[in-house]
Amino acid sequence: MKIALVSEYYYPLLGGITEHVHNLARTLDKQGHDVTVITHNLRTRRNSHYPDEPVNFRVVRFGRGIPIYSNGSFARVTLSRRLSSDLRAFFKQERFDVIHAHSPLTPILPLVAMMNSDAPVTVGTFHTYFSHSQGFRIFQKKLAAVMEQMDGRIVVSGACVEALSRYFDADYQVIPNGVDPEYFHPQEEIPARFDDGKLNILFVGRFDPRNGLKTMLEAFRIVKQSFADCRLIVVGDGPLRPYYRSLVSRDLAGDVHFTGLVNGGRPSYYAAADIFCTPCTKASFGVVLLEAMAAAAPIVASDINGYRLVMEDGLQGTLVPGGSPQDFARALLDLLRNPLKRRMMGEAGRRTVTERFSWDLVGKQVEDYYARLLGEATGIDTSADPDGTASTGERIAALRS
């Protein structure tokens, strides 16, 4: 199949949707499909944050990405005077079998791609949980028409369905996020400065308010009053970095390490984690949970809908219902003082990702969904193809010619 994945979020911008799009493209390419990632140009001084392995799929960029604040985080939108006409011309030239937009009702790039798709199958994946959306409320009728145009609608969790159902009546296919358990692995080499016997608490995420770094820092201050032999490693960055650094008192500065943005070296930080902690207040799923679980790190996380769909309280880690710094400190201290409990939870997390969330499994679900939709759109019996779905794509291309 010839597949276009459209997203406002891709490297050098780091985050859960970036990871999802990249790994889906890599997995579909490995399955034999012709894959193109469509995104924007991002002006950044951190151009080194690209995947560290070679890839065979193309990345095509339109317009310029700019940051905006939305839903508790810093989002991106694409600006270009010719975006619609450029996308139409590109789609006409490439003749994709599937155009798959991520966050498809989000201005600007995914939504414009949806409105200009000429592929036999148009698919959208919804990644975000929200309690309400002013934009969806105001533009509900127009966006409902775009939703109706889609042949397939994927959500990464039931939490997304809950959010979308407040505004749109549609059918959704739940296909979760994934992780590569060979890339994130407990045997990864640990950075030397964090391999000295002191217990490591790890936080990973953009410095968006909803990701809970303020709560994390306050919880760590409480933890240090009762358990001195630990440190906090903060992996991530964002416009609020000076504010968060200002929250760290001088007496704790030696045990709070801000690493900045990390891409290729992230597995080593997860391997170093004795506990992974995320006090996030809004999440539809939690890619960072999968990465931590793949590295066999026990988890302390907010008790929110998206996280409950990934882990079970008391099995892979602890879900904290209160969400206050004191609540997180108690959960962290419980695990810091109990090495056997940490080991058992870490092993359970590793089993969970290999059995349910590996990209080989998730990618096959997406591929099968494409094939079914293509069969419905073209009348071709994709399930009867003895040579695999790659040859199905060739037959569809021949039919369209």
Protein backbone atom coordinates (compact mmCIF):
# COMPACT_ATOMS: atom_id res chain seq x y z
CA MET A 1 0.00 0.00 0.00
CA LYS A 2 1.07 3.59 -0.56
CA ILE A 3 0.45 5.42 2.73
CA ALA A 4 0.73 9.06 3.84
CA LEU A 5 0.91 9.81 7.57
CA VAL A 6 0.07 13.46 8.28
CA SER A 7 1.00 15.10 11.58
CA GLU A 8 1.80 18.47 13.12
CA TYR A 9 4.12 16.56 15.46
CA TYR A 10 7.30 15.06 14.11
CA TYR A 11 11.04 15.40 14.68
CA PRO A 12 12.78 17.56 15.74
CA LEU A 13 9.74 18.13 17.99
CA LEU A 14 9.66 15.44 20.68
CA GLY A 15 6.52 14.00 22.25
CA GLY A 16 4.09 11.11 22.28
CA ILE A 17 2.49 11.80 18.88
CA THR A 18 5.92 12.24 17.28
CA GLU A 19 6.96 8.85 18.66
CA HIS A 20 3.71 7.26 17.51
CA VAL A 21 3.95 8.59 13.96
CA HIS A 22 7.62 7.69 13.60
CA ASN A 23 7.23 4.17 14.92
CA LEU A 24 4.09 3.54 12.88
CA ALA A 25 5.92 4.71 9.74
CA ARG A 26 8.91 2.51 10.59
CA THR A 27 6.69 -0.52 11.27
CA LEU A 28 4.61 -0.10 8.09
CA ASP A 29 7.80 0.32 6.08
CA LYS A 30 9.14 -2.89 7.60
CA GLN A 31 5.90 -4.61 6.56
CA GLY A 32 6.64 -3.69 2.94
CA HIS A 33 4.51 -0.57 2.42
CA ASP A 34 5.50 2.69 0.71
CA VAL A 35 5.27 5.28 3.52
CA THR A 36 5.53 9.08 3.51
CA VAL A 37 5.36 11.28 6.62
CA ILE A 38 3.89 14.73 5.93
CA THR A 39 4.63 17.43 8.50
CA HIS A 40 5.80 21.05 8.77
CA ASN A 41 9.15 22.80 8.91
CA LEU A 42 10.08 23.59 12.50
CA ARG A 43 12.54 26.35 13.25
CA THR A 44 14.56 25.22 16.24
CA ARG A 45 18.07 25.44 17.57
CA ARG A 46 17.82 21.79 18.56
CA ASN A 47 18.06 20.22 15.15
CA SER A 48 19.91 17.19 16.53
CA HIS A 49 16.75 15.62 17.94
CA TYR A 50 16.09 13.15 15.18
CA PRO A 51 15.80 9.37 15.37
CA ASP A 52 19.21 7.75 15.65
CA GLU A 53 18.52 4.87 13.26
CA PRO A 54 18.29 5.07 9.44
CA VAL A 55 14.79 4.88 7.94
CA ASN A 56 13.54 4.06 4.46
CA PHE A 57 10.37 6.15 4.44
CA ARG A 58 10.20 9.73 3.18
CA VAL A 59 9.54 12.87 5.24
CA VAL A 60 7.95 15.74 3.27
CA ARG A 61 7.46 19.16 4.88
CA PHE A 62 5.00 21.97 4.11
CA GLY A 63 4.77 25.44 5.61
CA ARG A 64 6.20 26.50 8.96
CA GLY A 65 5.24 25.22 12.41
CA ILE A 66 4.55 27.72 15.18
CA PRO A 67 3.73 27.08 18.86
CA ILE A 68 0.38 27.85 20.48
CA TYR A 69 -0.90 27.10 24.00
CA SER A 70 -3.85 24.68 24.04
CA ASN A 71 -5.39 22.09 26.40
CA GLY A 72 -2.66 22.46 29.01
CA SER A 73 0.29 22.12 26.62
CA PHE A 74 2.19 23.88 23.86
CA ALA A 75 0.78 22.66 20.55
CA ARG A 76 1.95 23.33 16.98
CA VAL A 77 0.13 24.63 13.92
CA THR A 78 1.31 24.91 10.32
CA LEU A 79 1.26 28.26 8.56
CA SER A 80 1.39 28.51 4.76
CA ARG A 81 -0.57 30.63 2.29
CA ARG A 82 -0.53 27.79 -0.25
CA LEU A 83 -1.09 24.85 2.09
CA SER A 84 -4.35 23.62 0.51
CA SER A 85 -3.17 23.93 -3.09
CA ASP A 86 0.24 22.42 -2.31
CA LEU A 87 -1.31 19.43 -0.56
CA ARG A 88 -3.82 18.89 -3.37
CA ALA A 89 -1.03 18.94 -5.96
CA PHE A 90 1.11 16.57 -3.89
CA PHE A 91 -1.76 14.12 -3.32
CA LYS A 92 -2.61 14.16 -7.04
CA GLN A 93 1.01 13.46 -7.93
CA GLU A 94 1.56 10.69 -5.37
CA ARG A 95 -1.84 8.94 -5.59
CA PHE A 96 -1.82 7.46 -2.10
CA ASP A 97 -3.99 4.48 -1.24
CA VAL A 98 -4.36 5.68 2.36
CA ILE A 99 -4.08 9.19 3.79
CA HIS A 100 -3.87 8.88 7.56
CA ALA A 101 -3.96 12.10 9.61
CA HIS A 102 -3.09 12.25 13.30
CA SER A 103 -5.31 14.54 15.38
CA PRO A 104 -7.30 14.99 12.15
CA LEU A 105 -9.68 17.72 13.34
CA THR A 106 -6.84 19.88 14.63
CA PRO A 107 -5.89 23.00 12.73
CA ILE A 108 -4.09 23.32 10.52
CA LEU A 109 -2.14 20.67 8.63
CA PRO A 110 -4.14 17.51 9.54
CA LEU A 111 -7.50 19.20 9.02
CA VAL A 112 -6.49 20.65 5.64
CA ALA A 113 -5.14 17.25 4.59
CA MET A 114 -8.45 15.62 5.50
CA MET A 115 -10.39 18.21 3.50
CA ASN A 116 -8.18 17.73 0.42
CA SER A 117 -7.72 13.96 0.50
CA ASP A 118 -8.28 12.17 -2.82
CA ALA A 119 -7.24 8.71 -1.61
CA PRO A 120 -9.59 5.70 -1.70
CA VAL A 121 -9.28 5.59 2.09
CA THR A 122 -8.94 8.49 4.53
CA VAL A 123 -8.19 7.64 8.19
CA GLY A 124 -7.83 9.77 11.30
CA THR A 125 -6.22 8.85 14.61
CA PHE A 126 -7.28 10.74 17.74
CA HIS A 127 -4.63 10.91 20.47
CA THR A 128 -5.98 13.37 23.01
CA TYR A 129 -8.29 13.30 26.01
CA PHE A 130 -10.03 16.57 26.95
CA SER A 131 -12.87 17.46 29.28
CA HIS A 132 -14.28 20.06 26.87
CA SER A 133 -13.32 21.82 23.63
CA GLN A 134 -14.41 25.35 22.82
CA GLY A 135 -13.30 24.88 19.20
CA PHE A 136 -15.33 21.69 18.76
CA ARG A 137 -18.36 23.39 20.27
CA ILE A 138 -18.15 26.44 17.99
CA PHE A 139 -17.31 24.56 14.77
CA GLN A 140 -19.19 21.36 15.57
CA LYS A 141 -21.24 21.21 12.34
CA LYS A 142 -18.29 21.86 10.03
CA LEU A 143 -16.04 19.42 11.86
CA ALA A 144 -18.79 16.79 11.90
CA ALA A 145 -18.77 16.95 8.09
CA VAL A 146 -15.03 16.25 8.08
CA MET A 147 -15.55 13.42 10.56
CA GLU A 148 -18.20 11.94 8.27
CA GLN A 149 -15.80 12.13 5.31
CA MET A 150 -13.33 9.80 7.02
CA ASP A 151 -13.51 6.14 6.09
CA GLY A 152 -11.87 5.11 9.35
CA ARG A 153 -11.45 6.64 12.81
CA ILE A 154 -8.83 5.26 15.18
CA VAL A 155 -8.56 6.21 18.86
CA VAL A 156 -5.60 5.22 21.01
CA SER A 157 -7.84 4.52 24.00
CA GLY A 158 -11.38 4.52 25.28
CA ALA A 159 -10.63 7.84 26.98
CA CYS A 160 -10.50 9.46 23.53
CA VAL A 161 -13.92 8.00 22.68
CA GLU A 162 -15.31 9.48 25.90
CA ALA A 163 -14.02 12.94 24.94
CA LEU A 164 -15.08 12.84 21.27
CA SER A 165 -18.54 11.46 21.98
CA ARG A 166 -19.49 14.74 23.64
CA TYR A 167 -19.41 16.37 20.20
CA PHE A 168 -19.58 13.72 17.46
CA ASP A 169 -21.65 10.61 16.83
CA ALA A 170 -19.31 8.23 15.00
CA ASP A 171 -17.80 4.74 15.06
CA TYR A 172 -14.26 4.37 16.38
CA GLN A 173 -11.64 1.61 16.23
CA VAL A 174 -9.47 1.38 19.34
CA ILE A 175 -5.83 0.67 18.44
CA PRO A 176 -3.39 1.52 21.24
CA ASN A 177 -0.04 3.24 21.18
CA GLY A 178 2.95 0.95 20.95
CA VAL A 179 6.53 0.61 22.08
CA ASP A 180 9.60 -1.21 20.78
CA PRO A 181 10.64 -3.54 23.63
CA GLU A 182 13.97 -4.21 21.94
CA TYR A 183 14.82 -0.50 21.85
CA PHE A 184 13.63 0.27 25.40
CA HIS A 185 15.21 -2.50 27.42
CA PRO A 186 16.28 -2.97 31.08
CA GLN A 187 19.78 -4.10 30.01
CA GLU A 188 20.58 -0.78 28.30
CA GLU A 189 23.81 0.83 29.52
CA ILE A 190 23.18 3.35 32.32
CA PRO A 191 24.80 6.83 32.19
CA ALA A 192 27.85 6.62 34.48
CA ARG A 193 26.91 9.63 36.59
CA PHE A 194 23.64 7.93 37.60
CA ASP A 195 25.16 4.51 38.28
CA ASP A 196 26.59 5.06 41.75
CA GLY A 197 24.16 3.16 43.98
CA LYS A 198 21.90 6.13 44.68
CA LEU A 199 18.26 5.41 43.73
CA ASN A 200 17.03 7.26 40.66
CA ILE A 201 13.53 8.72 40.22
CA LEU A 202 12.88 9.58 36.57
CA PHE A 203 10.50 12.15 35.05
CA VAL A 204 10.15 12.35 31.24
CA GLY A 205 8.00 14.88 29.39
CA ARG A 206 7.67 18.27 27.78
CA PHE A 207 7.54 21.12 30.28
CA ASP A 208 3.80 21.63 29.78
CA PRO A 209 1.66 22.43 32.85
CA ARG A 210 -0.47 19.30 32.42
CA ASN A 211 2.58 17.02 32.65
CA GLY A 212 2.89 17.83 36.34
CA LEU A 213 6.56 18.73 36.76
CA LYS A 214 5.72 21.22 39.53
CA THR A 215 4.02 18.41 41.48
CA MET A 216 7.02 16.16 40.79
CA LEU A 217 9.49 18.69 42.17
CA GLU A 218 7.39 19.35 45.28
CA ALA A 219 6.95 15.61 45.89
CA PHE A 220 10.70 15.06 45.57
CA ARG A 221 11.37 17.75 48.18
CA ILE A 222 9.10 15.86 50.60
CA VAL A 223 10.72 12.51 49.74
CA LYS A 224 14.23 13.84 50.48
CA GLN A 225 13.19 14.73 54.02
CA SER A 226 12.69 11.01 54.77
CA PHE A 227 14.89 9.24 52.19
CA ALA A 228 18.15 11.02 51.48
CA ASP A 229 19.82 8.50 49.18
CA CYS A 230 17.91 9.31 45.98
CA ARG A 231 17.97 11.78 43.10
CA LEU A 232 15.50 13.11 40.54
CA ILE A 233 16.36 12.99 36.82
CA VAL A 234 14.24 15.32 34.68
CA VAL A 235 14.30 14.54 30.94
CA GLY A 236 12.56 17.16 28.83
CA ASP A 237 12.40 20.85 28.04
CA GLY A 238 10.03 23.66 27.11
CA PRO A 239 9.37 27.38 27.42
CA LEU A 240 8.70 27.04 31.16
CA ARG A 241 12.17 25.66 31.92
CA PRO A 242 13.38 28.77 33.87
CA TYR A 243 10.25 28.64 36.03
CA TYR A 244 10.66 24.96 36.92
CA ARG A 245 14.36 25.35 37.66
CA SER A 246 13.51 28.21 40.00
CA LEU A 247 11.38 25.83 42.09
CA VAL A 248 14.44 23.78 43.08
CA SER A 249 15.98 25.02 46.34
CA ARG A 250 19.75 25.27 46.71
CA ASP A 251 19.93 22.37 49.14
CA LEU A 252 18.27 20.07 46.56
CA ALA A 253 20.02 21.35 43.43
CA GLY A 254 22.71 18.66 43.59
CA ASP A 255 20.12 15.90 43.41
CA VAL A 256 17.82 17.35 40.72
CA HIS A 257 19.29 16.84 37.25
CA PHE A 258 17.77 18.66 34.26
CA THR A 259 19.09 16.81 31.21
CA GLY A 260 17.27 18.85 28.55
CA LEU A 261 15.76 17.20 25.48
CA VAL A 262 16.90 13.63 24.91
CA ASN A 263 15.98 11.50 21.90
CA GLY A 264 18.32 8.66 21.01
CA GLY A 265 19.67 8.30 24.53
CA ARG A 266 16.30 7.98 26.20
CA PRO A 267 16.48 4.18 26.72
CA SER A 268 19.56 4.58 28.91
CA TYR A 269 17.69 6.97 31.22
CA TYR A 270 14.76 4.57 31.55
CA ALA A 271 17.23 1.76 32.32
CA ALA A 272 18.72 3.95 35.05
CA ALA A 273 15.32 4.53 36.67
CA ASP A 274 14.61 2.74 39.91
CA ILE A 275 11.18 4.40 39.74
CA PHE A 276 9.47 6.24 36.90
CA CYS A 277 7.07 8.97 38.06
CA THR A 278 4.51 10.96 36.04
CA PRO A 279 2.06 13.28 37.86
CA CYS A 280 0.37 14.16 34.54
CA THR A 281 -3.17 15.53 34.86
CA LYS A 282 -4.38 14.88 31.27
CA ALA A 283 -3.45 11.93 29.07
CA SER A 284 -5.39 9.76 26.65
CA PHE A 285 -2.91 6.90 26.92
CA GLY A 286 0.66 7.46 28.11
CA VAL A 287 3.52 6.53 25.77
CA VAL A 288 6.01 7.31 28.54
CA LEU A 289 4.39 4.57 30.64
CA LEU A 290 5.05 2.04 27.87
CA GLU A 291 8.67 3.15 27.53
CA ALA A 292 9.23 2.87 31.28
CA MET A 293 7.50 -0.51 31.47
CA ALA A 294 9.59 -1.83 28.57
CA ALA A 295 12.68 -0.91 30.60
CA ALA A 296 11.22 -2.78 33.63
CA ALA A 297 10.91 0.41 35.69
CA PRO A 298 8.13 0.40 38.32
CA ILE A 299 5.74 3.30 37.93
CA VAL A 300 4.15 5.93 40.15
CA ALA A 301 1.51 7.72 38.06
CA SER A 302 -1.61 9.83 38.29
CA ASP A 303 -4.84 7.87 38.58
CA ILE A 304 -6.36 9.20 35.34
CA ASN A 305 -8.40 7.49 32.62
CA GLY A 306 -5.63 7.21 30.05
CA TYR A 307 -3.20 5.60 32.49
CA ARG A 308 -5.73 3.09 33.84
CA LEU A 309 -6.01 1.68 30.33
CA VAL A 310 -2.26 0.93 30.26
CA MET A 311 -1.46 -0.28 33.77
CA GLU A 312 -3.16 -1.78 36.81
CA ASP A 313 -2.72 -0.27 40.24
CA GLY A 314 -0.52 -2.54 42.34
CA LEU A 315 0.71 -4.62 39.39
CA GLN A 316 3.06 -2.58 37.19
CA GLY A 317 3.17 0.28 39.67
CA THR A 318 1.06 2.59 41.80
CA LEU A 319 -1.73 4.86 40.59
CA VAL A 320 -2.05 7.92 42.84
CA PRO A 321 -5.71 9.01 43.23
CA GLY A 322 -5.18 12.25 45.12
CA GLY A 323 -2.66 13.88 42.82
CA SER A 324 -1.12 16.14 45.47
CA PRO A 325 2.66 16.31 46.09
CA GLN A 326 2.08 14.62 49.45
CA ASP A 327 0.21 11.74 47.79
CA PHE A 328 2.99 11.22 45.27
CA ALA A 329 5.67 11.44 47.96
CA ARG A 330 3.98 8.67 49.96
CA ALA A 331 3.80 6.40 46.89
CA LEU A 332 7.43 7.10 46.01
CA LEU A 333 8.64 6.44 49.55
CA ASP A 334 6.76 3.13 49.63
CA LEU A 335 8.67 1.91 46.57
CA LEU A 336 12.02 3.43 47.52
CA ARG A 337 11.90 1.41 50.76
CA ASN A 338 10.83 -1.85 49.10
CA PRO A 339 13.30 -3.24 46.49
CA LEU A 340 11.40 -6.52 46.06
CA LYS A 341 8.19 -4.66 45.24
CA ARG A 342 10.07 -2.51 42.72
CA ARG A 343 11.52 -5.58 41.01
CA MET A 344 8.19 -7.43 40.81
CA MET A 345 6.37 -4.38 39.42
CA GLY A 346 9.13 -3.81 36.86
CA GLU A 347 8.95 -7.40 35.65
CA ALA A 348 5.16 -7.18 35.36
CA GLY A 349 5.48 -4.02 33.28
CA ARG A 350 7.95 -5.63 30.90
CA ARG A 351 5.61 -8.59 30.39
CA THR A 352 2.69 -6.25 29.72
CA VAL A 353 4.38 -4.35 26.90
CA THR A 354 5.76 -7.45 25.16
CA GLU A 355 2.38 -9.21 25.28
CA ARG A 356 0.08 -6.27 24.43
CA PHE A 357 1.84 -3.14 23.23
CA SER A 358 4.83 -4.01 21.03
CA TRP A 359 4.88 -2.12 17.71
CA ASP A 360 4.87 -5.38 15.79
CA LEU A 361 1.45 -6.13 17.29
CA VAL A 362 0.09 -2.59 17.04
CA GLY A 363 1.37 -2.09 13.48
CA LYS A 364 -0.36 -5.29 12.36
CA GLN A 365 -3.65 -4.00 13.78
CA VAL A 366 -3.29 -0.76 11.80
CA GLU A 367 -2.32 -2.64 8.64
CA ASP A 368 -5.33 -4.95 8.95
CA TYR A 369 -7.60 -1.93 9.49
CA TYR A 370 -6.26 -0.27 6.32
CA ALA A 371 -6.78 -3.48 4.34
CA ARG A 372 -10.37 -3.86 5.51
CA LEU A 373 -11.20 -0.24 4.65
CA LEU A 374 -9.52 -0.55 1.25
CA GLY A 375 -11.51 -3.68 0.56
CA GLU A 376 -14.73 -1.86 1.40
CA ALA A 377 -13.75 1.15 -0.74
CA THR A 378 -12.58 -0.76 -3.82
CA GLY A 379 -14.45 -4.05 -3.71
CA ILE A 380 -11.18 -5.99 -3.56
CA ASP A 381 -11.15 -8.92 -1.16
CA THR A 382 -7.99 -8.01 0.74
CA SER A 383 -8.29 -11.01 3.02
CA ALA A 384 -7.94 -13.34 0.04
CA ASP A 385 -4.52 -11.98 -1.06
CA PRO A 386 -2.02 -14.84 -0.65
CA ASP A 387 1.03 -12.58 -1.07
CA GLY A 388 0.27 -10.08 1.70
CA THR A 389 -1.14 -6.57 1.76
CA ALA A 390 1.74 -5.05 -0.21
CA SER A 391 0.49 -6.77 -3.37
CA THR A 392 -3.02 -5.68 -2.41
CA GLY A 393 -1.80 -2.10 -2.69
CA GLU A 394 -0.40 -2.81 -6.15
CA ARG A 395 -3.71 -4.24 -7.33
CA ILE A 396 -5.55 -1.22 -5.97
CA ALA A 397 -3.15 1.11 -7.78
CA ALA A 398 -3.77 -0.82 -10.99
CA LEU A 399 -7.53 -0.59 -10.48
CA ARG A 400 -7.33 3.20 -10.02
CA SER A 401 -5.24 3.62 -13.20
